[in-house]
Amino acid sequence: MGYATNADVERRVGPANYVRLTDDRGTGTADEAKVTEARLEAEQTVDSFLGRRYVVPVDVEACPETAALLRGVTLDLVEFRLFARRPPVPADVLRKRENAIEWLRRAAEGLVVLSNAAALRDNAAAGFTGLAAGRARMLTPREMKDL
């Protein structure tokens, strides 16, 4: 399940902008494929940041507060992507995107915590160093020089 739906996007930008920002053919109807593409890109952006600390996609069904938070961040990114298709991007839309990216950076650094999100498991290979096994060296480089 994603963090937002196309219906959420339409509510965010309004019906007129929903059509205006996606109707490349001039049919007077929204191109749902364009909205879906922008939404999926935004969700992947969210996961690319959160994936540094949490299992993604985050299970939002367990906690409505987290669902609302991630929906808002996702919609901020989708809104920017749609408006960027028809420049200029309004200043408030640009500001919301910048704030969303900053929040995601902070979440990735552990400065913001998603209380119900599953943390990544420790990776046994992280920081792994090789250890020597077996007997100590039999020949030193100096002894091998004479061979």
C-alpha atoms as a PDB file:
ATOM      1  CA  MET A   1       0.000   0.000   0.000  1.00  0.00           C
ATOM      2  CA  GLY A   2       1.270   3.474  -0.881  1.00  0.00           C
ATOM      3  CA  TYR A   3       1.381   6.549   1.288  1.00  0.00           C
ATOM      4  CA  ALA A   4      -1.112   8.510  -0.851  1.00  0.00           C
ATOM      5  CA  THR A   5      -3.669   7.954  -3.593  1.00  0.00           C
ATOM      6  CA  ASN A   6      -4.496   9.871  -6.743  1.00  0.00           C
ATOM      7  CA  ALA A   7      -7.678  11.031  -4.989  1.00  0.00           C
ATOM      8  CA  ASP A   8      -5.475  12.493  -2.216  1.00  0.00           C
ATOM      9  CA  VAL A   9      -3.494  14.330  -4.896  1.00  0.00           C
ATOM     10  CA  GLU A  10      -6.677  15.744  -6.432  1.00  0.00           C
ATOM     11  CA  ARG A  11      -7.867  16.968  -3.019  1.00  0.00           C
ATOM     12  CA  ARG A  12      -4.447  18.576  -2.426  1.00  0.00           C
ATOM     13  CA  VAL A  13      -4.133  20.491  -5.705  1.00  0.00           C
ATOM     14  CA  GLY A  14      -7.840  20.972  -6.403  1.00  0.00           C
ATOM     15  CA  PRO A  15      -9.872  19.599  -9.313  1.00  0.00           C
ATOM     16  CA  ALA A  16      -8.985  22.415 -11.744  1.00  0.00           C
ATOM     17  CA  ASN A  17      -5.224  22.105 -11.159  1.00  0.00           C
ATOM     18  CA  TYR A  18      -5.485  18.325 -11.201  1.00  0.00           C
ATOM     19  CA  VAL A  19      -6.656  18.550 -14.814  1.00  0.00           C
ATOM     20  CA  ARG A  20      -4.525  21.563 -15.834  1.00  0.00           C
ATOM     21  CA  LEU A  21      -1.261  20.046 -14.587  1.00  0.00           C
ATOM     22  CA  THR A  22      -1.733  16.666 -16.275  1.00  0.00           C
ATOM     23  CA  ASP A  23      -3.850  17.210 -19.384  1.00  0.00           C
ATOM     24  CA  ASP A  24      -1.158  17.275 -22.073  1.00  0.00           C
ATOM     25  CA  ARG A  25      -3.610  16.481 -24.894  1.00  0.00           C
ATOM     26  CA  GLY A  26      -6.128  19.196 -24.114  1.00  0.00           C
ATOM     27  CA  THR A  27      -9.000  16.770 -23.540  1.00  0.00           C
ATOM     28  CA  GLY A  28     -10.291  18.534 -20.456  1.00  0.00           C
ATOM     29  CA  THR A  29      -9.698  15.488 -18.250  1.00  0.00           C
ATOM     30  CA  ALA A  30      -6.810  14.576 -15.995  1.00  0.00           C
ATOM     31  CA  ASP A  31      -4.245  12.078 -17.214  1.00  0.00           C
ATOM     32  CA  GLU A  32      -4.290   9.582 -14.356  1.00  0.00           C
ATOM     33  CA  ALA A  33      -1.075   7.968 -15.631  1.00  0.00           C
ATOM     34  CA  LYS A  34       0.803  11.266 -15.112  1.00  0.00           C
ATOM     35  CA  VAL A  35      -0.580  11.576 -11.588  1.00  0.00           C
ATOM     36  CA  THR A  36       0.286   7.964 -10.792  1.00  0.00           C
ATOM     37  CA  GLU A  37       3.810   8.433 -12.127  1.00  0.00           C
ATOM     38  CA  ALA A  38       4.365  11.553 -10.000  1.00  0.00           C
ATOM     39  CA  ARG A  39       2.907   9.826  -6.935  1.00  0.00           C
ATOM     40  CA  LEU A  40       5.033   6.699  -7.336  1.00  0.00           C
ATOM     41  CA  GLU A  41       8.171   8.807  -7.838  1.00  0.00           C
ATOM     42  CA  ALA A  42       7.359  10.735  -4.664  1.00  0.00           C
ATOM     43  CA  GLU A  43       6.738   7.532  -2.687  1.00  0.00           C
ATOM     44  CA  GLN A  44      10.052   6.132  -3.915  1.00  0.00           C
ATOM     45  CA  THR A  45      11.783   9.337  -2.828  1.00  0.00           C
ATOM     46  CA  VAL A  46      10.276   8.956   0.642  1.00  0.00           C
ATOM     47  CA  ASP A  47      11.376   5.316   0.796  1.00  0.00           C
ATOM     48  CA  SER A  48      14.874   6.149  -0.440  1.00  0.00           C
ATOM     49  CA  PHE A  49      15.396   8.391   2.583  1.00  0.00           C
ATOM     50  CA  LEU A  50      13.533   6.314   5.174  1.00  0.00           C
ATOM     51  CA  GLY A  51      15.160   3.115   3.925  1.00  0.00           C
ATOM     52  CA  ARG A  52      18.385   4.155   5.631  1.00  0.00           C
ATOM     53  CA  ARG A  53      16.764   3.535   9.032  1.00  0.00           C
ATOM     54  CA  TYR A  54      13.468   1.718   8.534  1.00  0.00           C
ATOM     55  CA  VAL A  55      12.011  -1.208   6.675  1.00  0.00           C
ATOM     56  CA  VAL A  56      10.277   0.297   3.640  1.00  0.00           C
ATOM     57  CA  PRO A  57       7.640   0.754   2.596  1.00  0.00           C
ATOM     58  CA  VAL A  58       6.600   1.744   6.100  1.00  0.00           C
ATOM     59  CA  ASP A  59       3.502  -0.131   7.271  1.00  0.00           C
ATOM     60  CA  VAL A  60       1.111   2.777   7.721  1.00  0.00           C
ATOM     61  CA  GLU A  61      -1.940   0.693   8.588  1.00  0.00           C
ATOM     62  CA  ALA A  62      -0.743   0.159  12.165  1.00  0.00           C
ATOM     63  CA  CYS A  63      -0.588   3.847  13.077  1.00  0.00           C
ATOM     64  CA  PRO A  64      -2.904   6.483  11.584  1.00  0.00           C
ATOM     65  CA  GLU A  65      -0.644   9.310  12.796  1.00  0.00           C
ATOM     66  CA  THR A  66       2.313   7.970  10.821  1.00  0.00           C
ATOM     67  CA  ALA A  67       0.049   7.379   7.821  1.00  0.00           C
ATOM     68  CA  ALA A  68      -1.076  11.020   7.893  1.00  0.00           C
ATOM     69  CA  LEU A  69       2.488  12.269   8.271  1.00  0.00           C
ATOM     70  CA  LEU A  70       3.847  10.217   5.365  1.00  0.00           C
ATOM     71  CA  ARG A  71       0.825  11.090   3.238  1.00  0.00           C
ATOM     72  CA  GLY A  72       1.524  14.782   3.801  1.00  0.00           C
ATOM     73  CA  VAL A  73       5.222  14.472   2.946  1.00  0.00           C
ATOM     74  CA  THR A  74       4.394  12.425  -0.149  1.00  0.00           C
ATOM     75  CA  LEU A  75       1.761  14.916  -1.279  1.00  0.00           C
ATOM     76  CA  ASP A  76       4.214  17.796  -0.851  1.00  0.00           C
ATOM     77  CA  LEU A  77       6.562  16.009  -3.262  1.00  0.00           C
ATOM     78  CA  VAL A  78       3.799  15.046  -5.717  1.00  0.00           C
ATOM     79  CA  GLU A  79       2.419  18.571  -5.758  1.00  0.00           C
ATOM     80  CA  PHE A  80       5.864  19.927  -6.645  1.00  0.00           C
ATOM     81  CA  ARG A  81       6.338  17.323  -9.402  1.00  0.00           C
ATOM     82  CA  LEU A  82       3.005  18.198 -10.984  1.00  0.00           C
ATOM     83  CA  PHE A  83       3.535  21.961 -10.818  1.00  0.00           C
ATOM     84  CA  ALA A  84       7.060  21.521 -12.214  1.00  0.00           C
ATOM     85  CA  ARG A  85       5.412  20.184 -15.380  1.00  0.00           C
ATOM     86  CA  ARG A  86       3.849  23.636 -15.901  1.00  0.00           C
ATOM     87  CA  PRO A  87       6.359  26.230 -14.639  1.00  0.00           C
ATOM     88  CA  PRO A  88       6.632  28.467 -12.809  1.00  0.00           C
ATOM     89  CA  VAL A  89       6.254  26.537  -9.581  1.00  0.00           C
ATOM     90  CA  PRO A  90       4.444  28.621  -6.928  1.00  0.00           C
ATOM     91  CA  ALA A  91       6.683  29.669  -4.030  1.00  0.00           C
ATOM     92  CA  ASP A  92       4.541  27.889  -1.417  1.00  0.00           C
ATOM     93  CA  VAL A  93       4.730  24.611  -3.383  1.00  0.00           C
ATOM     94  CA  LEU A  94       8.509  24.939  -3.649  1.00  0.00           C
ATOM     95  CA  ARG A  95       8.773  25.699   0.082  1.00  0.00           C
ATOM     96  CA  LYS A  96       6.673  22.623   0.970  1.00  0.00           C
ATOM     97  CA  ARG A  97       8.944  20.432  -1.164  1.00  0.00           C
ATOM     98  CA  GLU A  98      12.084  21.847   0.472  1.00  0.00           C
ATOM     99  CA  ASN A  99      10.587  21.286   3.930  1.00  0.00           C
ATOM    100  CA  ALA A 100       9.625  17.709   3.003  1.00  0.00           C
ATOM    101  CA  ILE A 101      13.143  16.915   1.769  1.00  0.00           C
ATOM    102  CA  GLU A 102      14.669  18.441   4.902  1.00  0.00           C
ATOM    103  CA  TRP A 103      12.339  16.360   7.100  1.00  0.00           C
ATOM    104  CA  LEU A 104      13.280  13.225   5.153  1.00  0.00           C
ATOM    105  CA  ARG A 105      16.992  14.011   5.595  1.00  0.00           C
ATOM    106  CA  ARG A 106      16.485  14.393   9.322  1.00  0.00           C
ATOM    107  CA  ALA A 107      14.550  11.122   9.469  1.00  0.00           C
ATOM    108  CA  ALA A 108      17.335   9.353   7.568  1.00  0.00           C
ATOM    109  CA  GLU A 109      19.885  10.721  10.047  1.00  0.00           C
ATOM    110  CA  GLY A 110      17.812   9.574  13.022  1.00  0.00           C
ATOM    111  CA  LEU A 111      16.944  13.092  14.167  1.00  0.00           C
ATOM    112  CA  VAL A 112      13.263  12.413  13.523  1.00  0.00           C
ATOM    113  CA  VAL A 113      11.758   9.147  14.699  1.00  0.00           C
ATOM    114  CA  LEU A 114       8.809   7.268  13.264  1.00  0.00           C
ATOM    115  CA  SER A 115       7.545   5.621  16.416  1.00  0.00           C
ATOM    116  CA  ASN A 116       5.787   2.642  14.853  1.00  0.00           C
ATOM    117  CA  ALA A 117       8.072   2.011  11.873  1.00  0.00           C
ATOM    118  CA  ALA A 118      10.110  -1.184  11.949  1.00  0.00           C
ATOM    119  CA  ALA A 119      13.799  -0.406  12.294  1.00  0.00           C
ATOM    120  CA  LEU A 120      16.247  -2.100   9.995  1.00  0.00           C
ATOM    121  CA  ARG A 121      17.864  -5.212  11.398  1.00  0.00           C
ATOM    122  CA  ASP A 122      21.529  -5.064  12.170  1.00  0.00           C
ATOM    123  CA  ASN A 123      23.555  -6.223   9.226  1.00  0.00           C
ATOM    124  CA  ALA A 124      26.131  -8.776  10.320  1.00  0.00           C
ATOM    125  CA  ALA A 125      28.299  -7.824   7.354  1.00  0.00           C
ATOM    126  CA  ALA A 126      28.397  -4.138   8.241  1.00  0.00           C
ATOM    127  CA  GLY A 127      31.811  -3.279   9.580  1.00  0.00           C
ATOM    128  CA  PHE A 128      32.982  -6.832   9.009  1.00  0.00           C
ATOM    129  CA  THR A 129      36.732  -7.298   9.102  1.00  0.00           C
ATOM    130  CA  GLY A 130      38.693 -10.316   8.045  1.00  0.00           C
ATOM    131  CA  LEU A 131      40.298 -12.512  10.665  1.00  0.00           C
ATOM    132  CA  ALA A 132      43.212 -14.849  10.085  1.00  0.00           C
ATOM    133  CA  ALA A 133      42.564 -18.508  10.675  1.00  0.00           C
ATOM    134  CA  GLY A 134      45.006 -21.342  11.064  1.00  0.00           C
ATOM    135  CA  ARG A 135      48.595 -21.414  12.159  1.00  0.00           C
ATOM    136  CA  ALA A 136      50.910 -18.478  12.322  1.00  0.00           C
ATOM    137  CA  ARG A 137      53.065 -17.661   9.309  1.00  0.00           C
ATOM    138  CA  MET A 138      55.636 -20.347   8.626  1.00  0.00           C
ATOM    139  CA  LEU A 139      57.920 -18.356   6.355  1.00  0.00           C
ATOM    140  CA  THR A 140      58.651 -14.699   6.623  1.00  0.00           C
ATOM    141  CA  PRO A 141      59.322 -12.560   3.563  1.00  0.00           C
ATOM    142  CA  ARG A 142      62.984 -12.539   4.510  1.00  0.00           C
ATOM    143  CA  GLU A 143      63.134 -16.356   4.614  1.00  0.00           C
ATOM    144  CA  MET A 144      61.319 -16.576   1.279  1.00  0.00           C
ATOM    145  CA  LYS A 145      63.917 -14.330  -0.319  1.00  0.00           C
ATOM    146  CA  ASP A 146      66.444 -17.121  -0.089  1.00  0.00           C
ATOM    147  CA  LEU A 147      64.169 -19.660  -1.827  1.00  0.00           C
END
